[in-house]
C-alpha atoms as a PDB file:
ATOM      1  CA  MET A   1      18.653  24.776 -87.751  1.00  0.00           C
ATOM      2  CA  LEU A   2      19.971  23.586 -84.412  1.00  0.00           C
ATOM      3  CA  GLU A   3      17.664  21.966 -81.869  1.00  0.00           C
ATOM      4  CA  LYS A   4      18.995  20.928 -78.481  1.00  0.00           C
ATOM      5  CA  VAL A   5      16.250  19.246 -76.468  1.00  0.00           C
ATOM      6  CA  ILE A   6      16.306  17.673 -73.029  1.00  0.00           C
ATOM      7  CA  MET A   7      13.634  15.028 -72.445  1.00  0.00           C
ATOM      8  CA  ALA A   8      13.104  14.046 -68.825  1.00  0.00           C
ATOM      9  CA  GLY A   9      10.768  12.099 -66.558  1.00  0.00           C
ATOM     10  CA  PHE A  10      10.430   9.003 -64.420  1.00  0.00           C
ATOM     11  CA  GLY A  11      11.674   5.707 -65.793  1.00  0.00           C
ATOM     12  CA  GLY A  12       8.790   4.099 -67.658  1.00  0.00           C
ATOM     13  CA  GLN A  13       7.348   7.362 -69.031  1.00  0.00           C
ATOM     14  CA  GLY A  14       8.986   6.822 -72.413  1.00  0.00           C
ATOM     15  CA  VAL A  15      11.434   9.722 -72.512  1.00  0.00           C
ATOM     16  CA  MET A  16      14.203   7.527 -73.915  1.00  0.00           C
ATOM     17  CA  ALA A  17      11.792   6.188 -76.533  1.00  0.00           C
ATOM     18  CA  ILE A  18      10.823   9.621 -77.858  1.00  0.00           C
ATOM     19  CA  GLY A  19      14.475  10.650 -77.772  1.00  0.00           C
ATOM     20  CA  LYS A  20      15.419   7.680 -79.936  1.00  0.00           C
ATOM     21  CA  LEU A  21      12.531   8.379 -82.295  1.00  0.00           C
ATOM     22  CA  LEU A  22      13.550  12.023 -82.695  1.00  0.00           C
ATOM     23  CA  ALA A  23      17.183  11.098 -83.351  1.00  0.00           C
ATOM     24  CA  TYR A  24      16.290   8.364 -85.848  1.00  0.00           C
ATOM     25  CA  ALA A  25      13.788  10.631 -87.625  1.00  0.00           C
ATOM     26  CA  GLY A  26      16.528  13.246 -87.924  1.00  0.00           C
ATOM     27  CA  MET A  27      18.798  10.656 -89.561  1.00  0.00           C
ATOM     28  CA  LEU A  28      16.022   9.761 -92.007  1.00  0.00           C
ATOM     29  CA  GLU A  29      15.914  13.449 -92.974  1.00  0.00           C
ATOM     30  CA  ASP A  30      19.709  13.498 -93.498  1.00  0.00           C
ATOM     31  CA  LYS A  31      20.318  15.714 -90.483  1.00  0.00           C
ATOM     32  CA  GLN A  32      23.107  15.431 -87.960  1.00  0.00           C
ATOM     33  CA  VAL A  33      21.879  13.920 -84.687  1.00  0.00           C
ATOM     34  CA  SER A  34      23.029  12.814 -81.268  1.00  0.00           C
ATOM     35  CA  TRP A  35      21.197  10.971 -78.502  1.00  0.00           C
ATOM     36  CA  LEU A  36      22.724  10.824 -75.034  1.00  0.00           C
ATOM     37  CA  PRO A  37      20.754   8.905 -72.378  1.00  0.00           C
ATOM     38  CA  SER A  38      21.095   9.253 -68.605  1.00  0.00           C
ATOM     39  CA  TYR A  39      19.433   6.849 -66.184  1.00  0.00           C
ATOM     40  CA  GLY A  40      18.822   7.002 -62.463  1.00  0.00           C
ATOM     41  CA  PRO A  41      19.621   3.952 -60.322  1.00  0.00           C
ATOM     42  CA  GLU A  42      16.186   2.350 -60.788  1.00  0.00           C
ATOM     43  CA  MET A  43      14.843   0.971 -64.061  1.00  0.00           C
ATOM     44  CA  ARG A  44      11.168   1.887 -63.555  1.00  0.00           C
ATOM     45  CA  GLY A  45      10.157   4.790 -61.376  1.00  0.00           C
ATOM     46  CA  GLY A  46      13.662   6.254 -61.181  1.00  0.00           C
ATOM     47  CA  THR A  47      14.713   9.339 -63.084  1.00  0.00           C
ATOM     48  CA  ALA A  48      15.553   9.175 -66.751  1.00  0.00           C
ATOM     49  CA  ASN A  49      16.530  11.845 -69.220  1.00  0.00           C
ATOM     50  CA  CYS A  50      18.219  12.176 -72.563  1.00  0.00           C
ATOM     51  CA  ASP A  51      19.801  14.947 -74.571  1.00  0.00           C
ATOM     52  CA  VAL A  52      18.926  14.984 -78.263  1.00  0.00           C
ATOM     53  CA  ILE A  53      20.502  17.315 -80.776  1.00  0.00           C
ATOM     54  CA  VAL A  54      19.182  17.678 -84.327  1.00  0.00           C
ATOM     55  CA  SER A  55      21.205  19.944 -86.589  1.00  0.00           C
ATOM     56  CA  GLU A  56      21.892  20.878 -90.175  1.00  0.00           C
ATOM     57  CA  LYS A  57      25.613  21.093 -89.279  1.00  0.00           C
ATOM     58  CA  LEU A  58      28.074  18.776 -87.551  1.00  0.00           C
ATOM     59  CA  ILE A  59      27.544  18.392 -83.810  1.00  0.00           C
ATOM     60  CA  GLY A  60      30.577  19.171 -81.665  1.00  0.00           C
ATOM     61  CA  SER A  61      29.358  17.574 -78.434  1.00  0.00           C
ATOM     62  CA  PRO A  62      26.295  15.491 -77.494  1.00  0.00           C
ATOM     63  CA  ILE A  63      26.117  17.156 -74.073  1.00  0.00           C
ATOM     64  CA  ILE A  64      23.601  19.932 -73.476  1.00  0.00           C
ATOM     65  CA  THR A  65      24.574  22.212 -70.594  1.00  0.00           C
ATOM     66  CA  ASN A  66      22.753  25.525 -70.165  1.00  0.00           C
ATOM     67  CA  ASP A  67      21.896  26.129 -73.795  1.00  0.00           C
ATOM     68  CA  ALA A  68      18.936  23.834 -74.485  1.00  0.00           C
ATOM     69  CA  THR A  69      16.523  25.191 -77.062  1.00  0.00           C
ATOM     70  CA  ALA A  70      13.740  23.062 -75.541  1.00  0.00           C
ATOM     71  CA  ALA A  71      12.944  20.763 -72.640  1.00  0.00           C
ATOM     72  CA  ILE A  72      10.152  18.216 -72.436  1.00  0.00           C
ATOM     73  CA  VAL A  73       9.449  17.538 -68.754  1.00  0.00           C
ATOM     74  CA  MET A  74       7.125  14.732 -67.763  1.00  0.00           C
ATOM     75  CA  ASN A  75       7.255  15.193 -63.961  1.00  0.00           C
ATOM     76  CA  LEU A  76       8.013  17.811 -61.314  1.00  0.00           C
ATOM     77  CA  PRO A  77      11.543  16.645 -60.376  1.00  0.00           C
ATOM     78  CA  SER A  78      12.483  16.919 -64.065  1.00  0.00           C
ATOM     79  CA  MET A  79      11.065  20.415 -64.320  1.00  0.00           C
ATOM     80  CA  ASP A  80      12.870  21.490 -61.162  1.00  0.00           C
ATOM     81  CA  LYS A  81      16.145  20.117 -62.495  1.00  0.00           C
ATOM     82  CA  PHE A  82      16.047  21.132 -66.164  1.00  0.00           C
ATOM     83  CA  GLU A  83      14.218  24.480 -66.365  1.00  0.00           C
ATOM     84  CA  SER A  84      17.540  26.170 -65.607  1.00  0.00           C
ATOM     85  CA  HIS A  85      19.217  24.367 -68.530  1.00  0.00           C
ATOM     86  CA  LEU A  86      17.188  26.290 -71.112  1.00  0.00           C
ATOM     87  CA  ALA A  87      18.725  29.126 -73.085  1.00  0.00           C
ATOM     88  CA  PRO A  88      16.781  32.405 -73.078  1.00  0.00           C
ATOM     89  CA  ASN A  89      13.722  32.048 -75.334  1.00  0.00           C
ATOM     90  CA  GLY A  90      13.912  28.277 -74.916  1.00  0.00           C
ATOM     91  CA  LYS A  91      10.698  26.245 -74.942  1.00  0.00           C
ATOM     92  CA  LEU A  92       9.639  24.420 -71.774  1.00  0.00           C
ATOM     93  CA  ILE A  93       6.984  21.823 -72.574  1.00  0.00           C
ATOM     94  CA  ILE A  94       5.349  20.767 -69.316  1.00  0.00           C
ATOM     95  CA  ASN A  95       3.193  17.701 -68.687  1.00  0.00           C
ATOM     96  CA  LYS A  96       0.405  19.589 -66.944  1.00  0.00           C
ATOM     97  CA  SER A  97      -1.226  16.273 -65.980  1.00  0.00           C
ATOM     98  CA  LEU A  98       1.522  15.601 -63.415  1.00  0.00           C
ATOM     99  CA  ILE A  99       2.992  19.076 -62.817  1.00  0.00           C
ATOM    100  CA  GLU A 100       0.848  21.694 -61.125  1.00  0.00           C
ATOM    101  CA  LYS A 101       3.697  24.180 -60.781  1.00  0.00           C
ATOM    102  CA  GLU A 102       4.256  26.923 -63.341  1.00  0.00           C
ATOM    103  CA  ALA A 103       7.568  27.844 -64.926  1.00  0.00           C
ATOM    104  CA  THR A 104       9.588  30.220 -62.757  1.00  0.00           C
ATOM    105  CA  ARG A 105      11.625  31.923 -65.491  1.00  0.00           C
ATOM    106  CA  ASP A 106      10.238  34.833 -67.480  1.00  0.00           C
ATOM    107  CA  ASP A 107      12.842  34.619 -70.268  1.00  0.00           C
ATOM    108  CA  ILE A 108      11.551  31.295 -71.653  1.00  0.00           C
ATOM    109  CA  LEU A 109       8.344  30.153 -73.317  1.00  0.00           C
ATOM    110  CA  ALA A 110       6.296  27.663 -71.274  1.00  0.00           C
ATOM    111  CA  TYR A 111       3.655  25.356 -72.737  1.00  0.00           C
ATOM    112  CA  TYR A 112       1.331  23.286 -70.550  1.00  0.00           C
ATOM    113  CA  ILE A 113       0.057  20.053 -72.107  1.00  0.00           C
ATOM    114  CA  ASP A 114      -2.470  17.690 -70.469  1.00  0.00           C
ATOM    115  CA  ALA A 115      -0.500  14.772 -71.886  1.00  0.00           C
ATOM    116  CA  ASN A 116      -1.874  11.998 -69.660  1.00  0.00           C
ATOM    117  CA  GLU A 117      -5.501  13.058 -70.185  1.00  0.00           C
ATOM    118  CA  ILE A 118      -5.025  13.297 -73.948  1.00  0.00           C
ATOM    119  CA  ALA A 119      -3.355   9.877 -74.004  1.00  0.00           C
ATOM    120  CA  MET A 120      -6.225   8.345 -72.013  1.00  0.00           C
ATOM    121  CA  ASP A 121      -8.709  10.012 -74.342  1.00  0.00           C
ATOM    122  CA  ILE A 122      -7.147   8.298 -77.364  1.00  0.00           C
ATOM    123  CA  GLY A 123      -7.111   4.959 -75.569  1.00  0.00           C
ATOM    124  CA  ASN A 124      -3.649   4.351 -74.112  1.00  0.00           C
ATOM    125  CA  SER A 125      -2.051   6.112 -71.141  1.00  0.00           C
ATOM    126  CA  LYS A 126       1.396   5.072 -72.378  1.00  0.00           C
ATOM    127  CA  ALA A 127       1.046   7.496 -75.310  1.00  0.00           C
ATOM    128  CA  ALA A 128       1.572  10.592 -73.106  1.00  0.00           C
ATOM    129  CA  ASN A 129       5.194  10.760 -74.256  1.00  0.00           C
ATOM    130  CA  MET A 130       4.105  10.861 -77.896  1.00  0.00           C
ATOM    131  CA  VAL A 131       1.605  13.615 -77.106  1.00  0.00           C
ATOM    132  CA  MET A 132       4.490  15.653 -75.677  1.00  0.00           C
ATOM    133  CA  LEU A 133       6.648  14.851 -78.717  1.00  0.00           C
ATOM    134  CA  GLY A 134       3.827  16.041 -80.979  1.00  0.00           C
ATOM    135  CA  ALA A 135       3.713  19.353 -79.106  1.00  0.00           C
ATOM    136  CA  TYR A 136       7.487  19.703 -79.415  1.00  0.00           C
ATOM    137  CA  LEU A 137       7.435  19.012 -83.160  1.00  0.00           C
ATOM    138  CA  GLU A 138       4.676  21.561 -83.705  1.00  0.00           C
ATOM    139  CA  LEU A 139       6.690  24.218 -81.883  1.00  0.00           C
ATOM    140  CA  THR A 140      10.099  23.520 -83.407  1.00  0.00           C
ATOM    141  CA  LYS A 141       9.600  21.728 -86.738  1.00  0.00           C
ATOM    142  CA  ALA A 142      12.837  19.844 -85.887  1.00  0.00           C
ATOM    143  CA  VAL A 143      11.631  16.898 -87.988  1.00  0.00           C
ATOM    144  CA  LYS A 144       8.400  16.033 -89.759  1.00  0.00           C
ATOM    145  CA  PRO A 145       5.837  13.920 -87.869  1.00  0.00           C
ATOM    146  CA  GLU A 146       5.891  11.559 -90.862  1.00  0.00           C
ATOM    147  CA  SER A 147       9.587  10.900 -90.189  1.00  0.00           C
ATOM    148  CA  ILE A 148       8.766   9.956 -86.591  1.00  0.00           C
ATOM    149  CA  ILE A 149       6.257   7.416 -87.872  1.00  0.00           C
ATOM    150  CA  LYS A 150       8.779   6.052 -90.409  1.00  0.00           C
ATOM    151  CA  ALA A 151      11.288   5.708 -87.566  1.00  0.00           C
ATOM    152  CA  PHE A 152       8.781   3.885 -85.345  1.00  0.00           C
ATOM    153  CA  THR A 153       9.281   0.345 -86.667  1.00  0.00           C
ATOM    154  CA  LYS A 154      13.029   0.906 -87.048  1.00  0.00           C
ATOM    155  CA  VAL A 155      13.297   1.804 -83.363  1.00  0.00           C
ATOM    156  CA  PHE A 156      10.702  -0.592 -81.903  1.00  0.00           C
ATOM    157  CA  GLY A 157      10.549  -3.424 -84.449  1.00  0.00           C
ATOM    158  CA  GLU A 158       7.875  -4.702 -86.797  1.00  0.00           C
ATOM    159  CA  SER A 159       5.897  -6.308 -83.967  1.00  0.00           C
ATOM    160  CA  LYS A 160       5.021  -2.812 -82.682  1.00  0.00           C
ATOM    161  CA  ALA A 161       3.737  -1.582 -86.059  1.00  0.00           C
ATOM    162  CA  LYS A 162       0.176  -2.193 -84.847  1.00  0.00           C
ATOM    163  CA  PHE A 163       0.653   0.822 -82.532  1.00  0.00           C
ATOM    164  CA  ILE A 164       1.421   3.259 -85.356  1.00  0.00           C
ATOM    165  CA  PRO A 165      -2.157   4.617 -85.725  1.00  0.00           C
ATOM    166  CA  LEU A 166      -2.361   5.299 -81.985  1.00  0.00           C
ATOM    167  CA  ASN A 167       0.989   7.071 -82.031  1.00  0.00           C
ATOM    168  CA  GLU A 168       0.072   9.116 -85.110  1.00  0.00           C
ATOM    169  CA  GLU A 169      -3.029  10.278 -83.262  1.00  0.00           C
ATOM    170  CA  ALA A 170      -0.970  11.094 -80.152  1.00  0.00           C
ATOM    171  CA  LEU A 171       1.425  13.235 -82.211  1.00  0.00           C
ATOM    172  CA  LYS A 172      -1.506  15.012 -83.849  1.00  0.00           C
ATOM    173  CA  ARG A 173      -3.266  15.662 -80.541  1.00  0.00           C
ATOM    174  CA  GLY A 174      -0.079  17.027 -78.969  1.00  0.00           C
ATOM    175  CA  ALA A 175       0.324  19.415 -81.896  1.00  0.00           C
ATOM    176  CA  GLU A 176      -3.300  20.513 -81.576  1.00  0.00           C
ATOM    177  CA  ALA A 177      -2.921  21.093 -77.824  1.00  0.00           C
ATOM    178  CA  VAL A 178       0.041  23.400 -78.291  1.00  0.00           C
ATOM    179  CA  LYS A 179      -1.651  25.226 -81.199  1.00  0.00           C
ATOM    180  CA  LYS A 180      -4.672  25.965 -78.985  1.00  0.00           C
ATOM    181  CA  GLN A 181      -2.365  27.329 -76.344  1.00  0.00           C
ATOM    182  CA  ALA A 182      -0.554  29.555 -78.821  1.00  0.00           C
ATOM    183  CA  THR A 183      -3.869  31.098 -79.926  1.00  0.00           C
ATOM    184  CA  LEU A 184      -4.769  31.880 -76.300  1.00  0.00           C
ATOM    185  CA  VAL A 185      -1.562  33.820 -75.632  1.00  0.00           C
END
């Protein structure tokens, strides 16, 4: 198993957070992981992306060039930039709430998730990133959702443990959204 995922969006959308969670969850499952963040010049509102690799074998380089197995894109500039970085048959997981454009490549698999609407429906707009992570996990099985939840307090601290039920629900709803889409295809 080798998963190379690019997570991208505006600063403040939580792409670094879900990248850290995925990497830490991979470590909890005794997998090899890397997490490589990249920030734009602004802290909030600027661009942010990270490369996460989860593998059964040693990782040679943390940099993902044009061979990503998946990309989670939270906004249109991220989709425009990273769609080309996917390998053929790669999975492009698109935040349909903020991106009206469709994927342009026909050699990849595109999934459209209403992440912001789902997050609002469960009570917190900040959970859109976790909805997208839930969709990714359902598609790839890179790590178990339970490992993400175990990683949550390790990454964010005990004071954030009160948000675990919300985040569990966000993961579940993201998985359900992508399952519905797969049955429609």
